Full PDB file with SEQRES, HELIX, SHEET, SSBOND, CRYST1, ORIGX, SCALE, CONECT and MASTER records, all heavy atoms in Angstrom:
SEQRES   1 A   33  ILE ASP ARG GLY THR LYS GLN GLN MET ALA ALA VAL ALA          
SEQRES   2 A   33  ALA VAL LEU LEU LEU PRO ILE LEU CYS VAL VAL SER VAL          
SEQRES   3 A   33  LEU GLN ARG TYR LEU ARG PRO                                  
HELIX    1 AA1 LYS A    6  LEU A   31  1                                  26    
CRYST1    1.000    1.000    1.000  90.00  90.00  90.00 P 1           1          
ORIGX1      1.000000  0.000000  0.000000        0.00000                         
ORIGX2      0.000000  1.000000  0.000000        0.00000                         
ORIGX3      0.000000  0.000000  1.000000        0.00000                         
SCALE1      1.000000  0.000000  0.000000        0.00000                         
SCALE2      0.000000  1.000000  0.000000        0.00000                         
SCALE3      0.000000  0.000000  1.000000        0.00000                         
ATOM      1  N   ILE A   1       0.832  -1.204   0.000  1.00  0.00           N  
ATOM      2  CA  ILE A   1       0.000   0.000   0.000  1.00  0.00           C  
ATOM      3  C   ILE A   1       0.862   1.248   0.000  1.00  0.00           C  
ATOM      4  O   ILE A   1       0.557   2.237  -0.658  1.00  0.00           O  
ATOM      5  CB  ILE A   1      -0.946  -0.002   1.212  1.00  0.00           C  
ATOM      6  CG1 ILE A   1      -1.948  -1.132   1.087  1.00  0.00           C  
ATOM      7  CG2 ILE A   1      -1.664   1.326   1.361  1.00  0.00           C  
ATOM      8  CD1 ILE A   1      -2.719  -1.389   2.355  1.00  0.00           C  
ATOM      9  N   ASP A   2       1.949   1.204   0.745  1.00  0.00           N  
ATOM     10  CA  ASP A   2       2.809   2.370   0.925  1.00  0.00           C  
ATOM     11  C   ASP A   2       3.493   2.800  -0.378  1.00  0.00           C  
ATOM     12  O   ASP A   2       3.951   3.919  -0.498  1.00  0.00           O  
ATOM     13  CB  ASP A   2       3.856   2.066   1.999  1.00  0.00           C  
ATOM     14  CG  ASP A   2       4.525   3.319   2.511  1.00  0.00           C  
ATOM     15  OD1 ASP A   2       3.854   4.360   2.603  1.00  0.00           O  
ATOM     16  OD2 ASP A   2       5.730   3.254   2.821  1.00  0.00           O  
ATOM     17  N   ARG A   3       3.556   1.910  -1.352  1.00  0.00           N  
ATOM     18  CA  ARG A   3       4.192   2.250  -2.627  1.00  0.00           C  
ATOM     19  C   ARG A   3       3.306   3.135  -3.497  1.00  0.00           C  
ATOM     20  O   ARG A   3       3.756   3.695  -4.480  1.00  0.00           O  
ATOM     21  CB  ARG A   3       4.528   0.972  -3.396  1.00  0.00           C  
ATOM     22  CG  ARG A   3       5.605   0.170  -2.757  1.00  0.00           C  
ATOM     23  CD  ARG A   3       5.998  -0.989  -3.630  1.00  0.00           C  
ATOM     24  NE  ARG A   3       6.661  -1.979  -2.804  1.00  0.00           N  
ATOM     25  CZ  ARG A   3       6.369  -3.251  -2.779  1.00  0.00           C  
ATOM     26  NH1 ARG A   3       5.430  -3.733  -3.561  1.00  0.00           N  
ATOM     27  NH2 ARG A   3       7.001  -4.075  -1.985  1.00  0.00           N  
ATOM     28  N   GLY A   4       2.032   3.264  -3.141  1.00  0.00           N  
ATOM     29  CA  GLY A   4       1.092   4.023  -3.949  1.00  0.00           C  
ATOM     30  C   GLY A   4       1.178   5.512  -3.683  1.00  0.00           C  
ATOM     31  O   GLY A   4       2.013   5.998  -2.929  1.00  0.00           O  
ATOM     32  N   THR A   5       0.276   6.225  -4.305  1.00  0.00           N  
ATOM     33  CA  THR A   5       0.224   7.675  -4.133  1.00  0.00           C  
ATOM     34  C   THR A   5      -0.519   8.006  -2.834  1.00  0.00           C  
ATOM     35  O   THR A   5      -1.091   7.136  -2.184  1.00  0.00           O  
ATOM     36  CB  THR A   5      -0.519   8.323  -5.315  1.00  0.00           C  
ATOM     37  OG1 THR A   5      -1.866   7.871  -5.303  1.00  0.00           O  
ATOM     38  CG2 THR A   5       0.144   7.985  -6.635  1.00  0.00           C  
ATOM     39  N   LYS A   6      -0.526   9.261  -2.502  1.00  0.00           N  
ATOM     40  CA  LYS A   6      -1.214   9.691  -1.278  1.00  0.00           C  
ATOM     41  C   LYS A   6      -2.723   9.462  -1.394  1.00  0.00           C  
ATOM     42  O   LYS A   6      -3.372   9.129  -0.411  1.00  0.00           O  
ATOM     43  CB  LYS A   6      -0.922  11.161  -1.008  1.00  0.00           C  
ATOM     44  CG  LYS A   6       0.536  11.428  -0.779  1.00  0.00           C  
ATOM     45  CD  LYS A   6       0.731  12.124   0.519  1.00  0.00           C  
ATOM     46  CE  LYS A   6       2.190  12.498   0.643  1.00  0.00           C  
ATOM     47  NZ  LYS A   6       2.803  11.859   1.759  1.00  0.00           N  
ATOM     48  N   GLN A   7      -3.276   9.608  -2.580  1.00  0.00           N  
ATOM     49  CA  GLN A   7      -4.704   9.377  -2.766  1.00  0.00           C  
ATOM     50  C   GLN A   7      -5.045   7.904  -2.563  1.00  0.00           C  
ATOM     51  O   GLN A   7      -6.073   7.576  -1.975  1.00  0.00           O  
ATOM     52  CB  GLN A   7      -5.156   9.835  -4.160  1.00  0.00           C  
ATOM     53  CG  GLN A   7      -5.143  11.327  -4.353  1.00  0.00           C  
ATOM     54  CD  GLN A   7      -3.760  11.854  -4.733  1.00  0.00           C  
ATOM     55  OE1 GLN A   7      -2.852  11.100  -5.009  1.00  0.00           O  
ATOM     56  NE2 GLN A   7      -3.623  13.165  -4.730  1.00  0.00           N  
ATOM     57  N   GLN A   8      -4.198   7.012  -3.046  1.00  0.00           N  
ATOM     58  CA  GLN A   8      -4.441   5.591  -2.854  1.00  0.00           C  
ATOM     59  C   GLN A   8      -4.334   5.213  -1.374  1.00  0.00           C  
ATOM     60  O   GLN A   8      -5.119   4.402  -0.872  1.00  0.00           O  
ATOM     61  CB  GLN A   8      -3.445   4.767  -3.665  1.00  0.00           C  
ATOM     62  CG  GLN A   8      -3.674   4.851  -5.150  1.00  0.00           C  
ATOM     63  CD  GLN A   8      -2.551   4.215  -5.947  1.00  0.00           C  
ATOM     64  OE1 GLN A   8      -1.430   4.076  -5.458  1.00  0.00           O  
ATOM     65  NE2 GLN A   8      -2.858   3.839  -7.174  1.00  0.00           N  
ATOM     66  N   MET A   9      -3.376   5.806  -0.678  1.00  0.00           N  
ATOM     67  CA  MET A   9      -3.225   5.526   0.745  1.00  0.00           C  
ATOM     68  C   MET A   9      -4.430   6.047   1.519  1.00  0.00           C  
ATOM     69  O   MET A   9      -4.897   5.416   2.470  1.00  0.00           O  
ATOM     70  CB  MET A   9      -1.925   6.124   1.277  1.00  0.00           C  
ATOM     71  CG  MET A   9      -0.711   5.392   0.756  1.00  0.00           C  
ATOM     72  SD  MET A   9       0.905   6.098   1.120  1.00  0.00           S  
ATOM     73  CE  MET A   9       0.772   6.790   2.693  1.00  0.00           C  
ATOM     74  N   ALA A  10      -4.978   7.199   1.134  1.00  0.00           N  
ATOM     75  CA  ALA A  10      -6.169   7.743   1.780  1.00  0.00           C  
ATOM     76  C   ALA A  10      -7.379   6.842   1.519  1.00  0.00           C  
ATOM     77  O   ALA A  10      -8.210   6.643   2.416  1.00  0.00           O  
ATOM     78  CB  ALA A  10      -6.435   9.155   1.299  1.00  0.00           C  
ATOM     79  N   ALA A  11      -7.473   6.292   0.328  1.00  0.00           N  
ATOM     80  CA  ALA A  11      -8.577   5.383   0.015  1.00  0.00           C  
ATOM     81  C   ALA A  11      -8.489   4.104   0.850  1.00  0.00           C  
ATOM     82  O   ALA A  11      -9.499   3.624   1.373  1.00  0.00           O  
ATOM     83  CB  ALA A  11      -8.569   5.045  -1.474  1.00  0.00           C  
ATOM     84  N   VAL A  12      -7.303   3.573   0.998  1.00  0.00           N  
ATOM     85  CA  VAL A  12      -7.119   2.371   1.815  1.00  0.00           C  
ATOM     86  C   VAL A  12      -7.430   2.679   3.279  1.00  0.00           C  
ATOM     87  O   VAL A  12      -8.055   1.875   3.974  1.00  0.00           O  
ATOM     88  CB  VAL A  12      -5.687   1.820   1.645  1.00  0.00           C  
ATOM     89  CG1 VAL A  12      -5.394   0.739   2.667  1.00  0.00           C  
ATOM     90  CG2 VAL A  12      -5.510   1.274   0.244  1.00  0.00           C  
ATOM     91  N   ALA A  13      -7.027   3.840   3.761  1.00  0.00           N  
ATOM     92  CA  ALA A  13      -7.320   4.223   5.142  1.00  0.00           C  
ATOM     93  C   ALA A  13      -8.819   4.333   5.366  1.00  0.00           C  
ATOM     94  O   ALA A  13      -9.335   3.933   6.416  1.00  0.00           O  
ATOM     95  CB  ALA A  13      -6.627   5.535   5.480  1.00  0.00           C  
ATOM     96  N   ALA A  14      -9.533   4.858   4.385  1.00  0.00           N  
ATOM     97  CA  ALA A  14     -10.990   4.963   4.504  1.00  0.00           C  
ATOM     98  C   ALA A  14     -11.634   3.579   4.532  1.00  0.00           C  
ATOM     99  O   ALA A  14     -12.571   3.338   5.294  1.00  0.00           O  
ATOM    100  CB  ALA A  14     -11.546   5.786   3.354  1.00  0.00           C  
ATOM    101  N   VAL A  15     -11.127   2.662   3.722  1.00  0.00           N  
ATOM    102  CA  VAL A  15     -11.667   1.298   3.713  1.00  0.00           C  
ATOM    103  C   VAL A  15     -11.350   0.594   5.029  1.00  0.00           C  
ATOM    104  O   VAL A  15     -12.180  -0.141   5.575  1.00  0.00           O  
ATOM    105  CB  VAL A  15     -11.119   0.514   2.502  1.00  0.00           C  
ATOM    106  CG1 VAL A  15     -11.441  -0.962   2.611  1.00  0.00           C  
ATOM    107  CG2 VAL A  15     -11.670   1.094   1.217  1.00  0.00           C  
ATOM    108  N   LEU A  16     -10.168   0.815   5.588  1.00  0.00           N  
ATOM    109  CA  LEU A  16      -9.808   0.185   6.855  1.00  0.00           C  
ATOM    110  C   LEU A  16     -10.572   0.777   8.030  1.00  0.00           C  
ATOM    111  O   LEU A  16     -10.652   0.160   9.094  1.00  0.00           O  
ATOM    112  CB  LEU A  16      -8.301   0.318   7.094  1.00  0.00           C  
ATOM    113  CG  LEU A  16      -7.419  -0.500   6.157  1.00  0.00           C  
ATOM    114  CD1 LEU A  16      -5.955  -0.237   6.444  1.00  0.00           C  
ATOM    115  CD2 LEU A  16      -7.723  -1.972   6.282  1.00  0.00           C  
ATOM    116  N   LEU A  17     -11.144   1.930   7.855  1.00  0.00           N  
ATOM    117  CA  LEU A  17     -11.942   2.554   8.908  1.00  0.00           C  
ATOM    118  C   LEU A  17     -13.338   1.946   8.988  1.00  0.00           C  
ATOM    119  O   LEU A  17     -13.978   1.993  10.046  1.00  0.00           O  
ATOM    120  CB  LEU A  17     -12.039   4.055   8.648  1.00  0.00           C  
ATOM    121  CG  LEU A  17     -12.736   4.902   9.672  1.00  0.00           C  
ATOM    122  CD1 LEU A  17     -11.952   4.889  10.973  1.00  0.00           C  
ATOM    123  CD2 LEU A  17     -12.870   6.313   9.170  1.00  0.00           C  
ATOM    124  N   LEU A  18     -13.805   1.343   7.918  1.00  0.00           N  
ATOM    125  CA  LEU A  18     -15.159   0.787   7.883  1.00  0.00           C  
ATOM    126  C   LEU A  18     -15.412  -0.284   8.945  1.00  0.00           C  
ATOM    127  O   LEU A  18     -16.458  -0.243   9.604  1.00  0.00           O  
ATOM    128  CB  LEU A  18     -15.475   0.260   6.491  1.00  0.00           C  
ATOM    129  CG  LEU A  18     -15.649   1.331   5.418  1.00  0.00           C  
ATOM    130  CD1 LEU A  18     -15.876   0.688   4.061  1.00  0.00           C  
ATOM    131  CD2 LEU A  18     -16.782   2.258   5.768  1.00  0.00           C  
ATOM    132  N   PRO A  19     -14.518  -1.270   9.160  1.00  0.00           N  
ATOM    133  CA  PRO A  19     -14.793  -2.253  10.218  1.00  0.00           C  
ATOM    134  C   PRO A  19     -14.893  -1.619  11.604  1.00  0.00           C  
ATOM    135  O   PRO A  19     -15.713  -2.043  12.421  1.00  0.00           O  
ATOM    136  CB  PRO A  19     -13.604  -3.213  10.150  1.00  0.00           C  
ATOM    137  CG  PRO A  19     -13.036  -3.038   8.812  1.00  0.00           C  
ATOM    138  CD  PRO A  19     -13.330  -1.634   8.405  1.00  0.00           C  
ATOM    139  N   ILE A  20     -14.095  -0.594  11.861  1.00  0.00           N  
ATOM    140  CA  ILE A  20     -14.154   0.080  13.155  1.00  0.00           C  
ATOM    141  C   ILE A  20     -15.516   0.734  13.334  1.00  0.00           C  
ATOM    142  O   ILE A  20     -16.142   0.612  14.394  1.00  0.00           O  
ATOM    143  CB  ILE A  20     -13.022   1.114  13.271  1.00  0.00           C  
ATOM    144  CG1 ILE A  20     -11.673   0.409  13.246  1.00  0.00           C  
ATOM    145  CG2 ILE A  20     -13.162   1.944  14.537  1.00  0.00           C  
ATOM    146  CD1 ILE A  20     -10.504   1.342  13.147  1.00  0.00           C  
ATOM    147  N   LEU A  21     -15.990   1.410  12.313  1.00  0.00           N  
ATOM    148  CA  LEU A  21     -17.291   2.057  12.400  1.00  0.00           C  
ATOM    149  C   LEU A  21     -18.420   1.042  12.572  1.00  0.00           C  
ATOM    150  O   LEU A  21     -19.383   1.284  13.307  1.00  0.00           O  
ATOM    151  CB  LEU A  21     -17.538   2.920  11.169  1.00  0.00           C  
ATOM    152  CG  LEU A  21     -16.621   4.133  11.011  1.00  0.00           C  
ATOM    153  CD1 LEU A  21     -16.905   4.844   9.701  1.00  0.00           C  
ATOM    154  CD2 LEU A  21     -16.778   5.074  12.177  1.00  0.00           C  
ATOM    155  N   CYS A  22     -18.304  -0.100  11.920  1.00  0.00           N  
ATOM    156  CA  CYS A  22     -19.332  -1.142  12.048  1.00  0.00           C  
ATOM    157  C   CYS A  22     -19.370  -1.696  13.468  1.00  0.00           C  
ATOM    158  O   CYS A  22     -20.450  -1.849  14.052  1.00  0.00           O  
ATOM    159  CB  CYS A  22     -19.074  -2.268  11.051  1.00  0.00           C  
ATOM    160  SG  CYS A  22     -19.347  -1.791   9.348  1.00  0.00           S  
ATOM    161  N   VAL A  23     -18.223  -2.005  14.034  1.00  0.00           N  
ATOM    162  CA  VAL A  23     -18.172  -2.558  15.390  1.00  0.00           C  
ATOM    163  C   VAL A  23     -18.696  -1.545  16.402  1.00  0.00           C  
ATOM    164  O   VAL A  23     -19.474  -1.881  17.298  1.00  0.00           O  
ATOM    165  CB  VAL A  23     -16.738  -3.016  15.741  1.00  0.00           C  
ATOM    166  CG1 VAL A  23     -16.607  -3.320  17.216  1.00  0.00           C  
ATOM    167  CG2 VAL A  23     -16.362  -4.229  14.919  1.00  0.00           C  
ATOM    168  N   VAL A  24     -18.282  -0.299  16.274  1.00  0.00           N  
ATOM    169  CA  VAL A  24     -18.750   0.729  17.202  1.00  0.00           C  
ATOM    170  C   VAL A  24     -20.250   0.942  17.070  1.00  0.00           C  
ATOM    171  O   VAL A  24     -20.951   1.102  18.071  1.00  0.00           O  
ATOM    172  CB  VAL A  24     -17.973   2.042  16.988  1.00  0.00           C  
ATOM    173  CG1 VAL A  24     -18.597   3.177  17.753  1.00  0.00           C  
ATOM    174  CG2 VAL A  24     -16.522   1.863  17.402  1.00  0.00           C  
ATOM    175  N   SER A  25     -20.773   0.916  15.863  1.00  0.00           N  
ATOM    176  CA  SER A  25     -22.218   1.117  15.697  1.00  0.00           C  
ATOM    177  C   SER A  25     -23.011  -0.050  16.280  1.00  0.00           C  
ATOM    178  O   SER A  25     -24.099   0.155  16.823  1.00  0.00           O  
ATOM    179  CB  SER A  25     -22.563   1.337  14.233  1.00  0.00           C  
ATOM    180  OG  SER A  25     -22.324   0.164  13.492  1.00  0.00           O  
ATOM    181  N   VAL A  26     -22.479  -1.261  16.195  1.00  0.00           N  
ATOM    182  CA  VAL A  26     -23.160  -2.414  16.786  1.00  0.00           C  
ATOM    183  C   VAL A  26     -23.113  -2.327  18.310  1.00  0.00           C  
ATOM    184  O   VAL A  26     -24.106  -2.570  18.992  1.00  0.00           O  
ATOM    185  CB  VAL A  26     -22.528  -3.735  16.293  1.00  0.00           C  
ATOM    186  CG1 VAL A  26     -23.002  -4.910  17.115  1.00  0.00           C  
ATOM    187  CG2 VAL A  26     -22.860  -3.952  14.830  1.00  0.00           C  
ATOM    188  N   LEU A  27     -21.959  -1.967  18.861  1.00  0.00           N  
ATOM    189  CA  LEU A  27     -21.813  -1.902  20.310  1.00  0.00           C  
ATOM    190  C   LEU A  27     -22.413  -0.635  20.911  1.00  0.00           C  
ATOM    191  O   LEU A  27     -22.574  -0.552  22.126  1.00  0.00           O  
ATOM    192  CB  LEU A  27     -20.339  -2.007  20.699  1.00  0.00           C  
ATOM    193  CG  LEU A  27     -19.702  -3.375  20.493  1.00  0.00           C  
ATOM    194  CD1 LEU A  27     -18.233  -3.333  20.852  1.00  0.00           C  
ATOM    195  CD2 LEU A  27     -20.414  -4.439  21.304  1.00  0.00           C  
ATOM    196  N   GLN A  28     -22.756   0.329  20.107  1.00  0.00           N  
ATOM    197  CA  GLN A  28     -23.299   1.582  20.611  1.00  0.00           C  
ATOM    198  C   GLN A  28     -24.621   1.362  21.352  1.00  0.00           C  
ATOM    199  O   GLN A  28     -24.922   2.053  22.324  1.00  0.00           O  
ATOM    200  CB  GLN A  28     -23.504   2.569  19.470  1.00  0.00           C  
ATOM    201  CG  GLN A  28     -23.953   3.935  19.921  1.00  0.00           C  
ATOM    202  CD  GLN A  28     -24.079   4.887  18.750  1.00  0.00           C  
ATOM    203  OE1 GLN A  28     -24.014   4.470  17.591  1.00  0.00           O  
ATOM    204  NE2 GLN A  28     -24.248   6.148  19.032  1.00  0.00           N  
ATOM    205  N   ARG A  29     -25.360   0.375  20.941  1.00  0.00           N  
ATOM    206  CA  ARG A  29     -26.623   0.061  21.601  1.00  0.00           C  
ATOM    207  C   ARG A  29     -26.394  -0.321  23.068  1.00  0.00           C  
ATOM    208  O   ARG A  29     -27.200  -0.027  23.923  1.00  0.00           O  
ATOM    209  CB  ARG A  29     -27.285  -1.078  20.852  1.00  0.00           C  
ATOM    210  CG  ARG A  29     -28.456  -1.691  21.539  1.00  0.00           C  
ATOM    211  CD  ARG A  29     -29.127  -2.715  20.690  1.00  0.00           C  
ATOM    212  NE  ARG A  29     -28.156  -3.562  19.994  1.00  0.00           N  
ATOM    213  CZ  ARG A  29     -28.426  -4.770  19.553  1.00  0.00           C  
ATOM    214  NH1 ARG A  29     -29.620  -5.283  19.730  1.00  0.00           N  
ATOM    215  NH2 ARG A  29     -27.530  -5.487  18.925  1.00  0.00           N  
ATOM    216  N   TYR A  30     -25.246  -0.973  23.345  1.00  0.00           N  
ATOM    217  CA  TYR A  30     -24.954  -1.417  24.699  1.00  0.00           C  
ATOM    218  C   TYR A  30     -24.200  -0.356  25.513  1.00  0.00           C  
ATOM    219  O   TYR A  30     -24.061  -0.506  26.715  1.00  0.00           O  
ATOM    220  CB  TYR A  30     -24.123  -2.695  24.664  1.00  0.00           C  
ATOM    221  CG  TYR A  30     -24.836  -3.817  23.957  1.00  0.00           C  
ATOM    222  CD1 TYR A  30     -24.444  -4.231  22.691  1.00  0.00           C  
ATOM    223  CD2 TYR A  30     -25.926  -4.448  24.543  1.00  0.00           C  
ATOM    224  CE1 TYR A  30     -25.106  -5.258  22.039  1.00  0.00           C  
ATOM    225  CE2 TYR A  30     -26.594  -5.464  23.891  1.00  0.00           C  
ATOM    226  CZ  TYR A  30     -26.174  -5.862  22.647  1.00  0.00           C  
ATOM    227  OH  TYR A  30     -26.836  -6.869  22.009  1.00  0.00           O  
ATOM    228  N   LEU A  31     -23.711   0.671  24.863  1.00  0.00           N  
ATOM    229  CA  LEU A  31     -22.918   1.690  25.558  1.00  0.00           C  
ATOM    230  C   LEU A  31     -23.779   2.750  26.219  1.00  0.00           C  
ATOM    231  O   LEU A  31     -23.291   3.520  27.029  1.00  0.00           O  
ATOM    232  CB  LEU A  31     -21.946   2.354  24.585  1.00  0.00           C  
ATOM    233  CG  LEU A  31     -20.871   1.453  24.013  1.00  0.00           C  
ATOM    234  CD1 LEU A  31     -20.038   2.221  23.000  1.00  0.00           C  
ATOM    235  CD2 LEU A  31     -19.988   0.911  25.103  1.00  0.00           C  
ATOM    236  N   ARG A  32     -25.031   2.813  25.893  1.00  0.00           N  
ATOM    237  CA  ARG A  32     -25.902   3.815  26.482  1.00  0.00           C  
ATOM    238  C   ARG A  32     -26.230   3.436  27.916  1.00  0.00           C  
ATOM    239  O   ARG A  32     -26.419   2.262  28.223  1.00  0.00           O  
ATOM    240  CB  ARG A  32     -27.177   3.937  25.671  1.00  0.00           C  
ATOM    241  CG  ARG A  32     -26.840   4.413  24.276  1.00  0.00           C  
ATOM    242  CD  ARG A  32     -28.040   4.772  23.509  1.00  0.00           C  
ATOM    243  NE  ARG A  32     -27.571   5.196  22.194  1.00  0.00           N  
ATOM    244  CZ  ARG A  32     -28.296   5.189  21.124  1.00  0.00           C  
ATOM    245  NH1 ARG A  32     -29.535   4.784  21.178  1.00  0.00           N  
ATOM    246  NH2 ARG A  32     -27.809   5.569  19.978  1.00  0.00           N  
ATOM    247  N   PRO A  33     -26.294   4.412  28.799  1.00  0.00           N  
ATOM    248  CA  PRO A  33     -26.591   4.090  30.203  1.00  0.00           C  
ATOM    249  C   PRO A  33     -28.004   3.553  30.384  1.00  0.00           C  
ATOM    250  O   PRO A  33     -28.926   3.950  29.672  1.00  0.00           O  
ATOM    251  CB  PRO A  33     -26.419   5.426  30.921  1.00  0.00           C  
ATOM    252  CG  PRO A  33     -26.518   6.464  29.871  1.00  0.00           C  
ATOM    253  CD  PRO A  33     -26.086   5.832  28.583  1.00  0.00           C  
TER     254      PRO A  33                                                      
MASTER        0    0    0    1    0    0    0    6  253    1    0    3          
END                                                                             
């Protein structure tokens, strides 16, 4: 990934952020008091 351009690295970072957002959105239901 690091061999690519800055735009490609930003695209990969956005894709790698998706699992984090999915897990947090699923667990958000349990995080409320």
